[in-house]
Amino acid sequence: METTLLPVPLAPEISLHLADGGVGLFDGTGGAFSSDVPPPFWLFVWAGGQALARHVLDHPEIVRGRTVLDVASGSGVAAIAAGRAGASRVTALDVDPLAVAAAARNAAANQVVVDTRTADIADLDMSADVILAGDVFYTRTVADRMAARLRRARREGARILVGDPGRGYFPERMFTQVAEYVVPVPAALEETEALVTGVWEMHATNAAG
């Protein structure tokens, strides 16, 4: 599917290779979902990632001089924001190799160094000073795996920041909201033109729960 280099609506300092605004998630697959091929999430900049990017750009002290891991990175928007904000090293992880390639391409377009890796954070021992996760609580199975892995990282000392626009499986009890944004999104993707999206930090008291 063709992409265009476009500014991120909530973080126009960053430009990404994205699908046209009228394109939906499954348009490139004939409207069908296949469990064998991940949907092309990386073609879009989702609300949670945009909120994280905006928050990191506005508060660079969160990542400055620190190692950052962007999990389920998709387009790489949060990873790129961390690089622009002065992180010492940024790694973008995604299970989809096409997403990893897209994140690398987008990082290059923004002249930011981002290491990329095709992997599931739930299967790795890898950690960082700060872990960013946007829109990762979209199904029960994914949410449970992600919550367990993020709890472990929090116990090991990582700072965990999540961007979530009210997806149905977000474990709010584990987090404290630190910011809120009204994020422009494609209507073809979300059936609305804006989503109220929180940035949430995992607190230590529930990391062991």
N, C-alpha and C. Protein backbone atom coordinates (compact mmCIF):
# COMPACT_ATOMS: atom_id res chain seq x y z
N MET A 1 0.84 -1.19 0.00
CA MET A 1 0.00 0.00 0.00
C MET A 1 0.88 1.25 0.00
N GLU A 2 0.50 2.24 -0.79
CA GLU A 2 1.29 3.46 -0.88
C GLU A 2 1.15 4.29 0.39
N THR A 3 2.23 4.98 0.72
CA THR A 3 2.22 5.86 1.89
C THR A 3 2.69 7.25 1.48
N THR A 4 2.38 8.21 2.34
CA THR A 4 2.81 9.59 2.15
C THR A 4 3.47 10.06 3.43
N LEU A 5 4.55 10.81 3.30
CA LEU A 5 5.22 11.37 4.48
C LEU A 5 4.38 12.54 4.98
N LEU A 6 3.79 12.36 6.17
CA LEU A 6 2.83 13.32 6.71
C LEU A 6 3.20 13.70 8.15
N PRO A 7 2.93 14.94 8.55
CA PRO A 7 3.14 15.30 9.96
C PRO A 7 2.14 14.59 10.86
N VAL A 8 2.58 14.21 12.04
CA VAL A 8 1.70 13.59 13.03
C VAL A 8 0.76 14.66 13.57
N PRO A 9 -0.54 14.44 13.57
CA PRO A 9 -1.48 15.50 13.96
C PRO A 9 -1.18 16.13 15.32
N LEU A 10 -0.93 15.31 16.34
CA LEU A 10 -0.70 15.86 17.68
C LEU A 10 0.76 16.22 17.92
N ALA A 11 1.64 15.76 17.05
CA ALA A 11 3.08 16.03 17.21
C ALA A 11 3.67 16.35 15.85
N PRO A 12 3.33 17.51 15.29
CA PRO A 12 3.75 17.82 13.93
C PRO A 12 5.25 17.99 13.76
N GLU A 13 6.00 18.00 14.85
CA GLU A 13 7.46 17.99 14.74
C GLU A 13 7.96 16.70 14.10
N ILE A 14 7.13 15.67 14.14
CA ILE A 14 7.47 14.35 13.61
C ILE A 14 6.64 14.09 12.36
N SER A 15 7.27 13.57 11.31
CA SER A 15 6.57 13.15 10.10
C SER A 15 6.76 11.66 9.90
N LEU A 16 5.71 10.99 9.45
CA LEU A 16 5.74 9.55 9.27
C LEU A 16 5.20 9.18 7.88
N HIS A 17 5.67 8.04 7.37
CA HIS A 17 5.11 7.48 6.15
C HIS A 17 3.81 6.76 6.53
N LEU A 18 2.67 7.34 6.15
CA LEU A 18 1.38 6.84 6.59
C LEU A 18 0.45 6.60 5.41
N ALA A 19 -0.59 5.79 5.66
CA ALA A 19 -1.63 5.59 4.68
C ALA A 19 -2.46 6.86 4.55
N ASP A 20 -3.11 7.01 3.43
CA ASP A 20 -4.02 8.13 3.23
C ASP A 20 -5.11 8.12 4.28
N GLY A 21 -5.59 9.30 4.66
CA GLY A 21 -6.56 9.43 5.73
C GLY A 21 -7.87 8.69 5.50
N GLY A 22 -8.22 8.39 4.26
CA GLY A 22 -9.46 7.69 3.99
C GLY A 22 -9.33 6.18 3.98
N VAL A 23 -8.15 5.67 4.25
CA VAL A 23 -7.89 4.24 4.20
C VAL A 23 -8.16 3.60 5.57
N GLY A 24 -8.82 2.44 5.58
CA GLY A 24 -9.07 1.71 6.81
C GLY A 24 -8.04 0.63 7.04
N LEU A 25 -8.06 0.03 8.22
CA LEU A 25 -7.04 -0.94 8.62
C LEU A 25 -7.00 -2.14 7.70
N PHE A 26 -8.15 -2.60 7.21
CA PHE A 26 -8.18 -3.83 6.42
C PHE A 26 -8.38 -3.58 4.93
N ASP A 27 -8.28 -2.33 4.49
CA ASP A 27 -8.48 -2.04 3.08
C ASP A 27 -7.45 -2.72 2.19
N GLY A 28 -6.23 -2.82 2.70
CA GLY A 28 -5.18 -3.46 1.92
C GLY A 28 -5.25 -4.97 1.92
N THR A 29 -6.16 -5.54 2.70
CA THR A 29 -6.30 -7.01 2.76
C THR A 29 -7.63 -7.45 2.18
N GLY A 30 -8.27 -6.57 1.39
CA GLY A 30 -9.56 -6.91 0.83
C GLY A 30 -10.68 -6.89 1.85
N GLY A 31 -10.45 -6.20 2.97
CA GLY A 31 -11.46 -6.11 4.01
C GLY A 31 -11.51 -7.29 4.95
N ALA A 32 -10.55 -8.21 4.82
CA ALA A 32 -10.58 -9.43 5.62
C ALA A 32 -9.43 -9.44 6.63
N PHE A 33 -9.67 -10.10 7.77
CA PHE A 33 -8.64 -10.29 8.79
C PHE A 33 -8.07 -11.70 8.65
N SER A 34 -6.77 -11.83 8.68
CA SER A 34 -6.11 -13.13 8.64
C SER A 34 -5.23 -13.27 9.87
N SER A 35 -5.40 -14.37 10.59
CA SER A 35 -4.59 -14.58 11.79
C SER A 35 -3.14 -14.88 11.44
N ASP A 36 -2.87 -15.21 10.16
CA ASP A 36 -1.51 -15.55 9.75
C ASP A 36 -0.68 -14.30 9.44
N VAL A 37 -1.34 -13.21 9.13
CA VAL A 37 -0.65 -11.98 8.75
C VAL A 37 -1.16 -10.85 9.64
N PRO A 38 -0.29 -10.23 10.43
CA PRO A 38 -0.75 -9.14 11.30
C PRO A 38 -1.34 -8.00 10.48
N PRO A 39 -2.42 -7.38 10.97
CA PRO A 39 -2.94 -6.19 10.28
C PRO A 39 -1.86 -5.12 10.21
N PRO A 40 -1.91 -4.28 9.20
CA PRO A 40 -0.85 -3.26 9.02
C PRO A 40 -1.03 -2.06 9.95
N PHE A 41 -0.92 -2.33 11.26
CA PHE A 41 -1.08 -1.24 12.24
C PHE A 41 -0.09 -0.10 11.98
N TRP A 42 1.07 -0.44 11.44
CA TRP A 42 2.14 0.52 11.23
C TRP A 42 1.82 1.56 10.16
N LEU A 43 0.77 1.34 9.37
CA LEU A 43 0.38 2.30 8.34
C LEU A 43 -0.32 3.52 8.93
N PHE A 44 -0.61 3.46 10.23
CA PHE A 44 -1.39 4.51 10.87
C PHE A 44 -0.66 4.97 12.13
N VAL A 45 -0.96 6.19 12.56
CA VAL A 45 -0.42 6.69 13.83
C VAL A 45 -1.59 6.74 14.80
N TRP A 46 -1.58 5.82 15.75
CA TRP A 46 -2.72 5.61 16.63
C TRP A 46 -2.72 6.62 17.77
N ALA A 47 -3.88 6.75 18.40
CA ALA A 47 -4.06 7.79 19.42
C ALA A 47 -3.09 7.63 20.59
N GLY A 48 -2.91 6.40 21.08
CA GLY A 48 -2.02 6.18 22.21
C GLY A 48 -0.59 6.56 21.91
N GLY A 49 -0.12 6.21 20.72
CA GLY A 49 1.23 6.58 20.32
C GLY A 49 1.41 8.07 20.17
N GLN A 50 0.39 8.73 19.60
CA GLN A 50 0.44 10.19 19.46
C GLN A 50 0.52 10.87 20.83
N ALA A 51 -0.30 10.40 21.76
CA ALA A 51 -0.30 11.00 23.10
C ALA A 51 1.05 10.81 23.78
N LEU A 52 1.61 9.62 23.67
CA LEU A 52 2.94 9.38 24.25
C LEU A 52 3.99 10.29 23.61
N ALA A 53 3.95 10.39 22.30
CA ALA A 53 4.92 11.24 21.60
C ALA A 53 4.81 12.68 22.07
N ARG A 54 3.58 13.21 22.14
CA ARG A 54 3.38 14.58 22.58
C ARG A 54 3.90 14.78 24.01
N HIS A 55 3.60 13.82 24.87
CA HIS A 55 4.00 13.93 26.27
C HIS A 55 5.52 13.90 26.41
N VAL A 56 6.17 13.03 25.68
CA VAL A 56 7.63 12.93 25.75
C VAL A 56 8.28 14.19 25.18
N LEU A 57 7.75 14.70 24.07
CA LEU A 57 8.31 15.91 23.49
C LEU A 57 8.14 17.11 24.43
N ASP A 58 7.02 17.16 25.13
CA ASP A 58 6.77 18.28 26.05
C ASP A 58 7.49 18.13 27.38
N HIS A 59 7.88 16.90 27.72
CA HIS A 59 8.56 16.63 28.98
C HIS A 59 9.81 15.78 28.71
N PRO A 60 10.79 16.35 28.02
CA PRO A 60 11.96 15.57 27.61
C PRO A 60 12.76 15.00 28.78
N GLU A 61 12.59 15.59 29.96
CA GLU A 61 13.32 15.08 31.12
C GLU A 61 12.95 13.64 31.45
N ILE A 62 11.83 13.17 30.97
CA ILE A 62 11.41 11.79 31.21
C ILE A 62 12.42 10.81 30.61
N VAL A 63 12.94 11.16 29.43
CA VAL A 63 13.79 10.21 28.69
C VAL A 63 15.22 10.71 28.49
N ARG A 64 15.48 11.97 28.74
CA ARG A 64 16.79 12.53 28.42
C ARG A 64 17.91 11.76 29.14
N GLY A 65 18.88 11.27 28.36
CA GLY A 65 20.01 10.55 28.92
C GLY A 65 19.69 9.14 29.36
N ARG A 66 18.49 8.65 29.07
CA ARG A 66 18.07 7.32 29.52
C ARG A 66 17.86 6.38 28.33
N THR A 67 17.89 5.09 28.62
CA THR A 67 17.55 4.11 27.59
C THR A 67 16.04 3.95 27.55
N VAL A 68 15.51 3.83 26.33
CA VAL A 68 14.06 3.78 26.12
C VAL A 68 13.72 2.59 25.23
N LEU A 69 12.66 1.90 25.62
CA LEU A 69 12.14 0.78 24.84
C LEU A 69 10.70 1.09 24.47
N ASP A 70 10.41 1.14 23.17
CA ASP A 70 9.05 1.38 22.68
C ASP A 70 8.50 0.03 22.22
N VAL A 71 7.54 -0.51 22.96
CA VAL A 71 7.03 -1.85 22.67
C VAL A 71 5.78 -1.76 21.80
N ALA A 72 5.59 -2.78 20.94
CA ALA A 72 4.51 -2.75 19.96
C ALA A 72 4.56 -1.41 19.23
N SER A 73 5.73 -1.10 18.69
CA SER A 73 6.06 0.24 18.25
C SER A 73 5.26 0.72 17.05
N GLY A 74 4.82 -0.18 16.18
CA GLY A 74 4.06 0.23 15.00
C GLY A 74 4.86 1.16 14.12
N SER A 75 4.34 2.35 13.91
CA SER A 75 5.02 3.33 13.06
C SER A 75 6.29 3.88 13.68
N GLY A 76 6.47 3.68 14.98
CA GLY A 76 7.66 4.16 15.67
C GLY A 76 7.54 5.56 16.21
N VAL A 77 6.32 6.11 16.28
CA VAL A 77 6.17 7.51 16.65
C VAL A 77 6.69 7.81 18.05
N ALA A 78 6.41 6.95 19.02
CA ALA A 78 6.87 7.20 20.39
C ALA A 78 8.39 7.06 20.48
N ALA A 79 8.94 6.08 19.78
CA ALA A 79 10.39 5.90 19.76
C ALA A 79 11.08 7.11 19.17
N ILE A 80 10.54 7.63 18.08
CA ILE A 80 11.12 8.81 17.43
C ILE A 80 11.06 10.01 18.36
N ALA A 81 9.94 10.18 19.06
CA ALA A 81 9.82 11.28 20.02
C ALA A 81 10.88 11.16 21.11
N ALA A 82 11.12 9.95 21.59
CA ALA A 82 12.13 9.74 22.62
C ALA A 82 13.51 10.10 22.11
N GLY A 83 13.79 9.73 20.87
CA GLY A 83 15.08 10.10 20.28
C GLY A 83 15.23 11.60 20.15
N ARG A 84 14.19 12.27 19.72
CA ARG A 84 14.24 13.74 19.59
C ARG A 84 14.38 14.42 20.95
N ALA A 85 13.86 13.75 21.99
CA ALA A 85 13.89 14.35 23.33
C ALA A 85 15.19 14.07 24.08
N GLY A 86 16.12 13.36 23.45
CA GLY A 86 17.44 13.22 24.03
C GLY A 86 17.73 11.91 24.75
N ALA A 87 16.93 10.87 24.48
CA ALA A 87 17.23 9.57 25.08
C ALA A 87 18.62 9.10 24.63
N SER A 88 19.31 8.39 25.51
CA SER A 88 20.67 7.93 25.18
C SER A 88 20.65 6.79 24.17
N ARG A 89 19.60 5.98 24.23
CA ARG A 89 19.44 4.90 23.26
C ARG A 89 17.96 4.54 23.20
N VAL A 90 17.45 4.36 21.99
CA VAL A 90 16.04 4.03 21.80
C VAL A 90 15.95 2.75 20.99
N THR A 91 15.13 1.82 21.46
CA THR A 91 14.87 0.58 20.74
C THR A 91 13.37 0.47 20.50
N ALA A 92 12.99 0.17 19.27
CA ALA A 92 11.59 -0.06 18.91
C ALA A 92 11.38 -1.54 18.65
N LEU A 93 10.43 -2.12 19.36
CA LEU A 93 10.10 -3.54 19.21
C LEU A 93 8.72 -3.69 18.60
N ASP A 94 8.58 -4.67 17.71
CA ASP A 94 7.26 -5.03 17.21
C ASP A 94 7.33 -6.48 16.72
N VAL A 95 6.19 -7.16 16.81
CA VAL A 95 6.16 -8.55 16.35
C VAL A 95 6.08 -8.64 14.83
N ASP A 96 5.71 -7.56 14.18
CA ASP A 96 5.54 -7.55 12.73
C ASP A 96 6.79 -6.99 12.07
N PRO A 97 7.48 -7.79 11.26
CA PRO A 97 8.70 -7.28 10.61
C PRO A 97 8.43 -6.09 9.69
N LEU A 98 7.24 -5.99 9.14
CA LEU A 98 6.91 -4.83 8.30
C LEU A 98 6.81 -3.57 9.16
N ALA A 99 6.30 -3.71 10.37
CA ALA A 99 6.26 -2.58 11.29
C ALA A 99 7.67 -2.15 11.67
N VAL A 100 8.53 -3.10 11.92
CA VAL A 100 9.92 -2.79 12.28
C VAL A 100 10.61 -2.04 11.13
N ALA A 101 10.36 -2.49 9.90
CA ALA A 101 10.93 -1.79 8.74
C ALA A 101 10.36 -0.39 8.63
N ALA A 102 9.06 -0.24 8.90
CA ALA A 102 8.43 1.08 8.84
C ALA A 102 9.00 2.01 9.90
N ALA A 103 9.21 1.50 11.12
CA ALA A 103 9.77 2.32 12.19
C ALA A 103 11.18 2.80 11.83
N ALA A 104 11.97 1.91 11.23
CA ALA A 104 13.32 2.29 10.81
C ALA A 104 13.27 3.37 9.73
N ARG A 105 12.36 3.19 8.78
CA ARG A 105 12.21 4.17 7.70
C ARG A 105 11.75 5.52 8.26
N ASN A 106 10.82 5.49 9.19
CA ASN A 106 10.32 6.73 9.77
C ASN A 106 11.38 7.42 10.63
N ALA A 107 12.16 6.63 11.35
CA ALA A 107 13.25 7.22 12.14
C ALA A 107 14.24 7.93 11.23
N ALA A 108 14.58 7.29 10.12
CA ALA A 108 15.51 7.91 9.17
C ALA A 108 14.94 9.20 8.60
N ALA A 109 13.64 9.21 8.33
CA ALA A 109 13.00 10.41 7.78
C ALA A 109 13.05 11.58 8.76
N ASN A 110 13.14 11.25 10.05
CA ASN A 110 13.20 12.28 11.09
C ASN A 110 14.61 12.49 11.61
N GLN A 111 15.58 11.85 10.97
CA GLN A 111 17.00 11.98 11.33
C GLN A 111 17.23 11.66 12.80
N VAL A 112 16.60 10.57 13.25
CA VAL A 112 16.73 10.08 14.61
C VAL A 112 17.24 8.65 14.57
N VAL A 113 18.16 8.32 15.47
CA VAL A 113 18.69 6.96 15.54
C VAL A 113 17.80 6.12 16.44
N VAL A 114 17.20 5.09 15.88
CA VAL A 114 16.37 4.15 16.64
C VAL A 114 16.79 2.73 16.26
N ASP A 115 17.18 1.95 17.24
CA ASP A 115 17.42 0.53 16.99
C ASP A 115 16.07 -0.16 16.84
N THR A 116 15.97 -1.10 15.92
CA THR A 116 14.71 -1.80 15.71
C THR A 116 14.92 -3.30 15.84
N ARG A 117 13.89 -3.98 16.32
CA ARG A 117 13.99 -5.42 16.52
C ARG A 117 12.62 -6.06 16.38
N THR A 118 12.56 -7.15 15.64
CA THR A 118 11.32 -7.90 15.51
C THR A 118 11.23 -8.89 16.66
N ALA A 119 10.35 -8.60 17.62
CA ALA A 119 10.25 -9.45 18.81
C ALA A 119 9.00 -9.08 19.59
N ASP A 120 8.57 -10.01 20.44
CA ASP A 120 7.48 -9.78 21.38
C ASP A 120 8.12 -9.52 22.74
N ILE A 121 7.83 -8.38 23.33
CA ILE A 121 8.43 -8.04 24.62
C ILE A 121 8.14 -9.10 25.67
N ALA A 122 7.01 -9.79 25.54
CA ALA A 122 6.65 -10.82 26.52
C ALA A 122 7.62 -11.99 26.48
N ASP A 123 8.34 -12.14 25.38
CA ASP A 123 9.27 -13.27 25.22
C ASP A 123 10.72 -12.88 25.48
N LEU A 124 10.96 -11.63 25.86
CA LEU A 124 12.34 -11.15 26.01
C LEU A 124 12.66 -10.80 27.46
N ASP A 125 13.95 -10.87 27.79
CA ASP A 125 14.44 -10.37 29.08
C ASP A 125 14.85 -8.91 28.97
N MET A 126 14.79 -8.37 27.79
CA MET A 126 15.26 -7.01 27.53
C MET A 126 14.44 -5.99 28.32
N SER A 127 15.12 -4.96 28.83
CA SER A 127 14.43 -3.89 29.54
C SER A 127 15.13 -2.58 29.22
N ALA A 128 14.72 -1.51 29.91
CA ALA A 128 15.28 -0.18 29.69
C ALA A 128 14.91 0.68 30.87
N ASP A 129 15.49 1.88 30.91
CA ASP A 129 15.14 2.81 31.98
C ASP A 129 13.67 3.24 31.88
N VAL A 130 13.21 3.45 30.64
CA VAL A 130 11.84 3.88 30.38
C VAL A 130 11.25 2.98 29.32
N ILE A 131 10.04 2.50 29.55
CA ILE A 131 9.32 1.70 28.56
C ILE A 131 8.06 2.45 28.16
N LEU A 132 7.87 2.62 26.86
CA LEU A 132 6.70 3.27 26.30
C LEU A 132 5.84 2.23 25.60
N ALA A 133 4.52 2.33 25.77
CA ALA A 133 3.61 1.38 25.14
C ALA A 133 2.32 2.10 24.76
N GLY A 134 2.07 2.22 23.48
CA GLY A 134 0.86 2.90 23.01
C GLY A 134 -0.13 1.94 22.41
N ASP A 135 -1.38 2.00 22.84
CA ASP A 135 -2.47 1.21 22.26
C ASP A 135 -2.18 -0.29 22.29
N VAL A 136 -1.74 -0.79 23.44
CA VAL A 136 -1.38 -2.21 23.52
C VAL A 136 -2.44 -3.06 24.23
N PHE A 137 -3.53 -2.47 24.66
CA PHE A 137 -4.54 -3.22 25.42
C PHE A 137 -5.83 -3.38 24.62
N TYR A 138 -5.69 -3.88 23.39
CA TYR A 138 -6.83 -3.90 22.47
C TYR A 138 -7.55 -5.24 22.40
N THR A 139 -6.97 -6.31 22.92
CA THR A 139 -7.68 -7.59 23.07
C THR A 139 -7.33 -8.16 24.44
N ARG A 140 -8.17 -9.06 24.94
CA ARG A 140 -7.92 -9.64 26.26
C ARG A 140 -6.59 -10.38 26.31
N THR A 141 -6.31 -11.19 25.30
CA THR A 141 -5.08 -11.98 25.31
C THR A 141 -3.85 -11.10 25.29
N VAL A 142 -3.84 -10.12 24.39
CA VAL A 142 -2.70 -9.21 24.29
C VAL A 142 -2.57 -8.40 25.57
N ALA A 143 -3.69 -7.92 26.10
CA ALA A 143 -3.66 -7.10 27.30
C ALA A 143 -3.10 -7.86 28.49
N ASP A 144 -3.51 -9.10 28.66
CA ASP A 144 -3.02 -9.89 29.79
C ASP A 144 -1.51 -10.13 29.69
N ARG A 145 -1.05 -10.47 28.48
CA ARG A 145 0.38 -10.70 28.29
C ARG A 145 1.18 -9.42 28.50
N MET A 146 0.66 -8.32 27.99
CA MET A 146 1.37 -7.06 28.11
C MET A 146 1.41 -6.59 29.56
N ALA A 147 0.28 -6.69 30.25
CA ALA A 147 0.25 -6.25 31.64
C ALA A 147 1.22 -7.04 32.50
N ALA A 148 1.28 -8.34 32.29
CA ALA A 148 2.20 -9.18 33.06
C ALA A 148 3.65 -8.79 32.79
N ARG A 149 3.98 -8.54 31.53
CA ARG A 149 5.36 -8.20 31.19
C ARG A 149 5.73 -6.80 31.70
N LEU A 150 4.79 -5.86 31.63
CA LEU A 150 5.08 -4.52 32.12
C LEU A 150 5.20 -4.50 33.64
N ARG A 151 4.41 -5.32 34.33
CA ARG A 151 4.56 -5.42 35.79
C ARG A 151 5.95 -5.91 36.14
N ARG A 152 6.41 -6.89 35.42
CA ARG A 152 7.76 -7.41 35.68
C ARG A 152 8.81 -6.33 35.46
N ALA A 153 8.68 -5.58 34.37
CA ALA A 153 9.65 -4.52 34.09
C ALA A 153 9.61 -3.45 35.16
N ARG A 154 8.40 -3.15 35.66
CA ARG A 154 8.28 -2.15 36.73
C ARG A 154 8.96 -2.63 38.00
N ARG A 155 8.79 -3.90 38.33
CA ARG A 155 9.47 -4.46 39.51
C ARG A 155 10.98 -4.37 39.37
N GLU A 156 11.47 -4.46 38.14
CA GLU A 156 12.91 -4.41 37.88
C GLU A 156 13.42 -2.98 37.80
N GLY A 157 12.54 -2.00 37.97
CA GLY A 157 12.98 -0.62 38.07
C GLY A 157 12.70 0.27 36.89
N ALA A 158 12.08 -0.27 35.84
CA ALA A 158 11.77 0.56 34.68
C ALA A 158 10.61 1.50 34.98
N ARG A 159 10.63 2.65 34.37
CA ARG A 159 9.49 3.57 34.41
C ARG A 159 8.60 3.22 33.22
N ILE A 160 7.32 3.00 33.46
CA ILE A 160 6.41 2.53 32.42
C ILE A 160 5.38 3.62 32.12
N LEU A 161 5.32 4.04 30.87
CA LEU A 161 4.33 5.00 30.42
C LEU A 161 3.51 4.39 29.29
N VAL A 162 2.20 4.48 29.42
CA VAL A 162 1.28 3.88 28.46
C VAL A 162 0.37 4.97 27.91
N GLY A 163 0.13 4.92 26.60
CA GLY A 163 -0.86 5.78 25.99
C GLY A 163 -2.08 4.95 25.63
N ASP A 164 -3.25 5.36 26.12
CA ASP A 164 -4.45 4.55 25.87
C ASP A 164 -5.68 5.45 25.77
N PRO A 165 -6.49 5.28 24.70
CA PRO A 165 -7.68 6.11 24.51
C PRO A 165 -8.96 5.44 25.00
N GLY A 166 -8.83 4.58 26.00
CA GLY A 166 -10.01 3.90 26.52
C GLY A 166 -10.31 2.59 25.83
N ARG A 167 -9.27 1.90 25.37
CA ARG A 167 -9.47 0.55 24.82
C ARG A 167 -10.07 -0.33 25.91
N GLY A 168 -10.82 -1.30 25.52
CA GLY A 168 -11.64 -2.04 26.48
C GLY A 168 -10.91 -2.85 27.52
N TYR A 169 -9.63 -3.15 27.31
CA TYR A 169 -8.92 -4.06 28.21
C TYR A 169 -7.79 -3.37 28.97
N PHE A 170 -7.80 -2.05 29.01
CA PHE A 170 -6.76 -1.32 29.72
C PHE A 170 -6.93 -1.52 31.24
N PRO A 171 -5.88 -2.04 31.94
CA PRO A 171 -5.97 -2.29 33.38
C PRO A 171 -5.70 -1.03 34.19
N GLU A 172 -6.68 -0.16 34.22
CA GLU A 172 -6.50 1.18 34.80
C GLU A 172 -6.02 1.14 36.25
N ARG A 173 -6.40 0.11 37.00
CA ARG A 173 -6.05 0.06 38.43
C ARG A 173 -4.54 0.02 38.66
N MET A 174 -3.78 -0.38 37.64
CA MET A 174 -2.33 -0.48 37.79
C MET A 174 -1.61 0.84 37.51
N PHE A 175 -2.36 1.86 37.09
CA PHE A 175 -1.74 3.07 36.57
C PHE A 175 -2.31 4.33 37.22
N THR A 176 -1.54 5.40 37.11
CA THR A 176 -1.97 6.74 37.48
C THR A 176 -1.91 7.61 36.22
N GLN A 177 -2.99 8.32 35.94
CA GLN A 177 -2.99 9.17 34.76
C GLN A 177 -2.14 10.41 35.02
N VAL A 178 -1.25 10.71 34.06
CA VAL A 178 -0.36 11.87 34.20
C VAL A 178 -0.64 12.95 33.17
N ALA A 179 -1.42 12.63 32.14
CA ALA A 179 -1.75 13.64 31.13
C ALA A 179 -2.95 13.15 30.32
N GLU A 180 -3.59 14.10 29.64
CA GLU A 180 -4.73 13.76 28.79
C GLU A 180 -4.72 14.68 27.58
N TYR A 181 -4.99 14.11 26.41
CA TYR A 181 -4.97 14.85 25.16
C TYR A 181 -6.21 14.50 24.34
N VAL A 182 -6.66 15.46 23.55
CA VAL A 182 -7.67 15.18 22.53
C VAL A 182 -6.90 14.97 21.23
N VAL A 183 -6.91 13.73 20.76
CA VAL A 183 -6.02 13.33 19.67
C VAL A 183 -6.80 13.22 18.36
N PRO A 184 -6.41 13.97 17.32
CA PRO A 184 -7.03 13.79 16.01
C PRO A 184 -6.70 12.41 15.45
N VAL A 185 -7.71 11.72 14.93
CA VAL A 185 -7.53 10.39 14.35
C VAL A 185 -8.34 10.28 13.07
N PRO A 186 -7.94 9.38 12.15
CA PRO A 186 -8.73 9.21 10.93
C PRO A 186 -10.09 8.57 11.23
N ALA A 187 -11.14 9.16 10.70
CA ALA A 187 -12.48 8.61 10.92
C ALA A 187 -12.61 7.21 10.35
N ALA A 188 -11.88 6.91 9.28
CA ALA A 188 -11.94 5.58 8.68
C ALA A 188 -11.35 4.52 9.60
N LEU A 189 -10.54 4.96 10.55
CA LEU A 189 -9.87 4.03 11.45
C LEU A 189 -10.64 3.87 12.76
N GLU A 190 -11.13 4.97 13.31
CA GLU A 190 -11.71 4.96 14.66
C GLU A 190 -13.20 5.30 14.69
N GLU A 191 -13.79 5.61 13.53
CA GLU A 191 -15.20 6.00 13.45
C GLU A 191 -15.49 7.28 14.23
N THR A 192 -14.48 8.08 14.41
CA THR A 192 -14.60 9.41 15.01
C THR A 192 -13.38 10.19 14.58
N GLU A 193 -13.42 11.51 14.74
CA GLU A 193 -12.30 12.33 14.29
C GLU A 193 -11.36 12.72 15.41
N ALA A 194 -11.68 12.36 16.65
CA ALA A 194 -10.81 12.67 17.79
C ALA A 194 -11.10 11.70 18.93
N LEU A 195 -10.07 11.36 19.67
CA LEU A 195 -10.22 10.49 20.83
C LEU A 195 -9.54 11.14 22.03
N VAL A 196 -10.25 11.20 23.14
CA VAL A 196 -9.62 11.63 24.39
C VAL A 196 -8.72 10.50 24.87
N THR A 197 -7.44 10.80 25.01
CA THR A 197 -6.44 9.76 25.24
C THR A 197 -5.58 10.12 26.44
N GLY A 198 -5.42 9.18 27.34
CA GLY A 198 -4.61 9.40 28.52
C GLY A 198 -3.20 8.87 28.36
N VAL A 199 -2.27 9.52 29.04
CA VAL A 199 -0.94 8.96 29.27
C VAL A 199 -0.91 8.54 30.72
N TRP A 200 -0.57 7.29 30.94
CA TRP A 200 -0.66 6.67 32.26
C TRP A 200 0.69 6.11 32.67
N GLU A 201 1.02 6.28 33.95
CA GLU A 201 2.27 5.72 34.47
C GLU A 201 1.94 4.57 35.44
N MET A 202 2.60 3.44 35.24
CA MET A 202 2.40 2.30 36.14
C MET A 202 3.04 2.61 37.49
N HIS A 203 2.26 2.44 38.57
CA HIS A 203 2.82 2.71 39.87
C HIS A 203 3.28 1.42 40.52
N ALA A 204 4.28 1.55 41.37
CA ALA A 204 4.96 0.38 41.95
C ALA A 204 4.05 -0.43 42.84
N THR A 205 3.04 0.16 43.46
CA THR A 205 2.23 -0.56 44.44
C THR A 205 1.44 -1.70 43.80
N ASN A 206 1.10 -1.55 42.49
CA ASN A 206 0.35 -2.62 41.83
C ASN A 206 1.19 -3.42 40.85
N ALA A 207 2.48 -3.10 40.78
CA ALA A 207 3.33 -3.83 39.84
C ALA A 207 3.45 -5.29 40.20
N ALA A 208 3.29 -5.61 41.48
CA ALA A 208 3.42 -7.00 41.90
C ALA A 208 2.09 -7.74 41.87
N GLY A 209 0.98 -7.03 41.54
CA GLY A 209 -0.35 -7.64 41.57
C GLY A 209 -0.63 -8.52 40.40
